[in-house]
Structures are given as C-alpha cells and as structure tokens.
Protein backbone atom coordinates (compact mmCIF):
# COMPACT_ATOMS: atom_id res chain seq x y z
CA MET A 1 -17.22 -23.50 20.37
CA VAL A 2 -20.03 -20.95 20.02
CA VAL A 3 -19.36 -17.22 20.11
CA ILE A 4 -22.33 -15.10 21.12
CA GLU A 5 -22.27 -11.59 19.70
CA PRO A 6 -24.30 -8.94 21.53
CA GLU A 7 -26.37 -6.58 19.43
CA LYS A 8 -24.66 -3.25 18.85
CA THR A 9 -26.57 -0.22 20.06
CA GLN A 10 -26.88 2.86 17.88
CA MET A 11 -24.89 5.73 19.37
CA LEU A 12 -25.65 9.40 18.76
CA TYR A 13 -21.98 10.34 19.11
CA ASN A 14 -18.53 8.84 19.56
CA HIS A 15 -14.97 10.04 20.11
CA ARG A 16 -14.55 10.87 16.40
CA THR A 17 -17.56 13.18 16.25
CA ASP A 18 -16.85 16.41 14.38
CA TRP A 19 -18.96 18.74 16.50
CA ASP A 20 -18.38 21.82 14.34
CA SER A 21 -19.73 20.24 11.16
CA LEU A 22 -22.59 18.67 13.11
CA ARG A 23 -23.49 22.07 14.55
CA GLU A 24 -23.40 23.68 11.09
CA TYR A 25 -25.61 20.95 9.64
CA VAL A 26 -28.20 21.34 12.42
CA ASP A 27 -28.12 25.16 12.12
CA GLU A 28 -28.85 24.94 8.39
CA ALA A 29 -31.59 22.33 8.79
CA ILE A 30 -33.60 23.95 11.59
CA ASN A 31 -36.15 26.67 10.90
CA LEU A 32 -36.21 29.18 13.76
CA LYS A 33 -39.17 31.16 12.43
CA VAL A 34 -41.87 28.80 13.65
CA LYS A 35 -45.03 29.98 15.42
CA LEU A 36 -45.27 28.40 18.86
CA LYS A 37 -48.68 29.55 20.02
CA THR A 38 -50.40 26.27 20.85
CA ALA A 39 -49.32 23.05 22.49
CA GLU A 40 -49.72 21.29 19.14
CA ASP A 41 -47.29 23.76 17.50
CA ILE A 42 -44.73 23.12 20.24
CA ASP A 43 -45.08 19.34 19.90
CA GLN A 44 -44.70 19.53 16.13
CA ALA A 45 -41.64 21.81 16.39
CA LEU A 46 -40.10 19.49 19.00
CA LYS A 47 -40.62 16.43 16.79
CA HIS A 48 -39.09 18.29 13.84
CA PHE A 49 -36.09 19.34 15.95
CA THR A 50 -35.58 15.80 17.27
CA ASN A 51 -35.78 14.33 13.77
CA GLN A 52 -33.26 16.86 12.45
CA VAL A 53 -30.77 16.12 15.25
CA GLN A 54 -31.13 12.37 14.73
CA GLU A 55 -30.69 12.74 10.98
CA ALA A 56 -27.62 14.93 11.50
CA CYS A 57 -26.11 12.37 13.84
CA GLY A 58 -26.79 9.59 11.36
CA ARG A 59 -25.12 11.50 8.52
CA MET A 60 -22.27 13.33 10.22
CA ILE A 61 -20.99 10.93 12.88
CA PRO A 62 -18.47 8.40 11.55
CA VAL A 63 -19.12 4.73 12.20
CA LEU A 64 -16.33 3.16 14.20
CA ASP A 65 -14.51 0.36 12.45
CA SER A 66 -14.78 -2.72 14.61
CA SER A 67 -12.70 -4.85 12.23
CA ARG A 68 -9.51 -4.03 14.11
CA TYR A 69 -10.91 -5.78 17.18
CA ASN A 70 -11.02 -9.55 17.12
CA THR A 71 -14.62 -10.17 18.11
CA ASN A 72 -14.43 -13.90 17.41
CA LEU A 73 -12.53 -14.65 20.57
CA PRO A 74 -13.43 -17.60 22.76
CA LEU A 75 -15.42 -16.89 25.89
CA TYR A 76 -12.51 -17.72 28.24
CA ILE A 77 -10.36 -15.04 26.54
CA LYS A 78 -13.17 -12.48 26.80
CA ASP A 79 -13.45 -13.32 30.51
CA LYS A 80 -9.71 -12.74 30.90
CA ILE A 81 -10.04 -9.36 29.16
CA ILE A 82 -12.79 -8.37 31.60
CA GLU A 83 -10.62 -9.54 34.51
CA LYS A 84 -7.62 -7.55 33.22
CA ARG A 85 -9.74 -4.40 32.89
CA ARG A 86 -11.05 -4.89 36.44
CA LEU A 87 -7.50 -5.24 37.76
CA HIS A 88 -6.46 -2.15 35.82
CA ARG A 89 -9.24 -0.11 37.45
CA ILE A 90 -8.18 -1.36 40.90
CA TRP A 91 -4.53 -0.50 40.28
CA HIS A 92 -5.45 2.89 38.77
CA LEU A 93 -7.28 3.83 41.96
CA SER A 94 -4.82 2.38 44.49
CA ARG A 95 -1.42 2.57 42.72
CA HIS A 96 -0.29 -0.21 45.07
CA PRO A 97 2.63 -2.40 43.93
CA ILE A 98 0.73 -5.62 44.70
CA ASP A 99 -2.17 -4.48 42.49
CA LYS A 100 0.32 -3.59 39.74
CA ALA A 101 1.92 -7.04 39.98
CA ALA A 102 -1.51 -8.70 39.68
CA LEU A 103 -2.30 -6.50 36.65
CA ASN A 104 1.03 -7.34 34.98
CA LYS A 105 0.41 -11.06 35.52
CA ALA A 106 -3.09 -10.78 34.04
CA ILE A 107 -1.70 -8.89 31.02
CA GLN A 108 0.97 -11.55 30.44
CA ASP A 109 -1.55 -14.39 30.80
CA LEU A 110 -3.91 -12.66 28.37
CA ARG A 111 -1.12 -12.15 25.81
CA ASN A 112 -0.20 -15.82 26.03
CA LEU A 113 -3.83 -16.92 25.62
CA ILE A 114 -4.37 -14.66 22.59
CA GLN A 115 -1.09 -15.80 21.03
CA THR A 116 -2.05 -19.45 21.54
CA ALA A 117 -5.50 -18.85 20.03
CA ASN A 118 -3.98 -17.03 17.04
CA ASP A 119 -1.47 -19.85 16.53
CA LEU A 120 -4.24 -22.44 16.57
CA ASN A 121 -6.32 -20.40 14.11
CA SER A 122 -3.32 -20.00 11.79
CA GLN A 123 -2.53 -23.68 12.02
CA ASP A 124 -6.15 -24.63 11.21
CA GLN A 125 -6.16 -22.21 8.29
CA LEU A 126 -2.89 -23.59 6.90
CA GLN A 127 -4.14 -27.17 7.21
CA SER A 128 -7.30 -26.31 5.32
CA LEU A 129 -5.36 -24.93 2.32
CA SER A 130 -5.23 -26.99 -0.85
CA ALA A 131 -4.46 -26.55 -4.52
CA THR A 132 -7.75 -27.90 -5.85
CA LYS A 133 -10.49 -26.19 -7.77
CA VAL A 134 -13.00 -27.03 -5.02
CA THR A 135 -11.20 -24.74 -2.55
CA ASN A 136 -10.66 -22.07 -5.21
CA TYR A 137 -6.90 -22.72 -5.19
CA SER A 138 -6.49 -21.31 -1.68
CA LEU A 139 -2.93 -22.62 -1.32
CA ARG A 140 -1.79 -20.77 -4.44
CA LYS A 141 -3.39 -17.53 -3.28
CA CYS A 142 -1.78 -17.79 0.14
CA VAL A 143 1.69 -18.45 -1.29
CA LYS A 144 1.29 -15.78 -3.96
CA SER A 145 1.04 -13.05 -1.34
CA TYR A 146 4.46 -14.08 0.02
CA ASP A 147 6.13 -14.25 -3.40
CA ARG A 148 5.89 -10.56 -4.17
CA PRO A 149 9.16 -8.66 -3.76
CA GLN A 150 9.17 -5.91 -1.20
CA GLU A 151 9.68 -2.46 -2.67
CA GLN A 152 12.15 -0.31 -0.81
CA LYS A 153 11.85 3.45 -0.87
CA LEU A 154 15.34 4.77 -0.44
CA PRO A 155 15.98 8.39 0.48
CA GLN A 156 17.58 10.63 -2.13
CA LYS A 157 20.58 12.90 -1.74
CA ASN A 158 19.84 16.59 -1.57
CA GLU A 159 22.58 17.69 -3.95
CA LYS A 160 25.13 15.89 -6.06
CA GLY A 161 28.14 15.08 -3.93
CA SER A 162 26.32 16.10 -0.75
CA SER A 163 26.20 13.80 2.24
CA LYS A 164 22.74 15.02 3.29
CA TRP A 165 19.80 12.78 2.53
CA ALA A 166 16.24 13.92 1.86
CA ARG A 167 14.34 11.98 4.51
CA THR A 168 11.35 14.14 5.40
CA SER A 169 8.44 14.90 3.08
CA LYS A 170 9.42 18.57 2.95
CA ASP A 171 13.02 17.74 1.95
CA LYS A 172 11.77 15.40 -0.79
CA ALA A 173 9.35 18.03 -2.11
CA ASP A 174 12.13 20.64 -2.15
CA LEU A 175 14.39 18.20 -3.99
CA ILE A 176 11.72 17.51 -6.62
CA THR A 177 11.09 21.23 -7.20
CA THR A 178 14.80 22.01 -7.52
CA ASN A 179 15.26 19.10 -9.95
CA ASN A 180 12.32 20.26 -12.06
CA ASN A 181 13.65 23.80 -12.19
CA THR A 182 17.09 22.70 -13.44
CA HIS A 183 15.71 20.85 -16.48
CA VAL A 184 15.17 22.86 -19.64
CA TYR A 185 12.21 21.74 -21.68
CA MET A 186 12.10 22.49 -25.41
C-alpha cells in the first residue's frame, strides 16, 4: 500500500495567530519616515513592507502540529473521511432526518474502518517485536512501559478532622500556605 502525501503549503496565518503581537512586531520593524517621491522609492518601500510582513508571519505565527492527525491512513479511509465531510455539509444545510441518518451511518462506518486499521497496525507492530540485539530489544522496551506503577495524586484534607477535601488548585495552594505558616523554623 502506498500513501501519497501532498506538499504542505506555507500559510501566512492560522487559527492560533496572535494578531496583537504580530501587529506590534510589524509596527516596530517598519520605518514610516521614508521619502516616496519617485516610482522607484515606492517600489522599494513596498518590497521592504512585504518582506517585513512575511518575516513577521514566519516568526510570530505558530506552526500547527500535524502529529495528532494520522496522515498515514490508507486511501480508502481518506475517501471515507471526504465522504463523511460531504454528508456533514449536506446535513448542516438541510437539517433533514434522512441526511442525518446517512451522516451517522458514515460516521459509524468510518470509526469501524479506523479501528480495524489501528488494530491491524498494532498487531503488525506486536508481531515484529523481539528480544534480540538486532531489533534493539524492542520487546523489552514495549513491556517496560507497561511495568511502571501508576502514581495516584490523592486530594488532601483541608484541616485535621475536617471532611472537606482540597480538590481545586486554589484549595491546594491555600492548604500549602497554611501548612507552611504553622511550622516554626529555627
């Protein structure tokens, strides 16, 4: 199976853009006292402005992390995702029960396909594990991650004999400050 990855285009902004800091950066970088008497002066000032905006976008706009999306999906699953999105647009415009039923069926089919693909990937990965030096002891490393005990963070009581528990961050901070104030250091 071959997965074809499209080239990612460079975006000047995204939904995480901090427009205030971008605006401040551009305001500091641009010189407003430029003589614009000839066409050549205007072209040069325009190029400088464009370069400053592009540089600001490159520095100030966060790059979106695509690692949370599974881009190594088979083509038939990507086609199902496209189909589900198309059905969602149709239902969003019509709000008809038949369109909603078709969307729900597409969502369920897509979940089953992704779960099956993940199960097959996990099964292949588990079968490839071994305890040899050639595979860098992959079996040991996999099992080691499951051997670690889980640490539990239990809430603390506010006062001795009290039935109230410090569950929020503010309650815990108050509890720590009151405990530190009761100790006498010599």
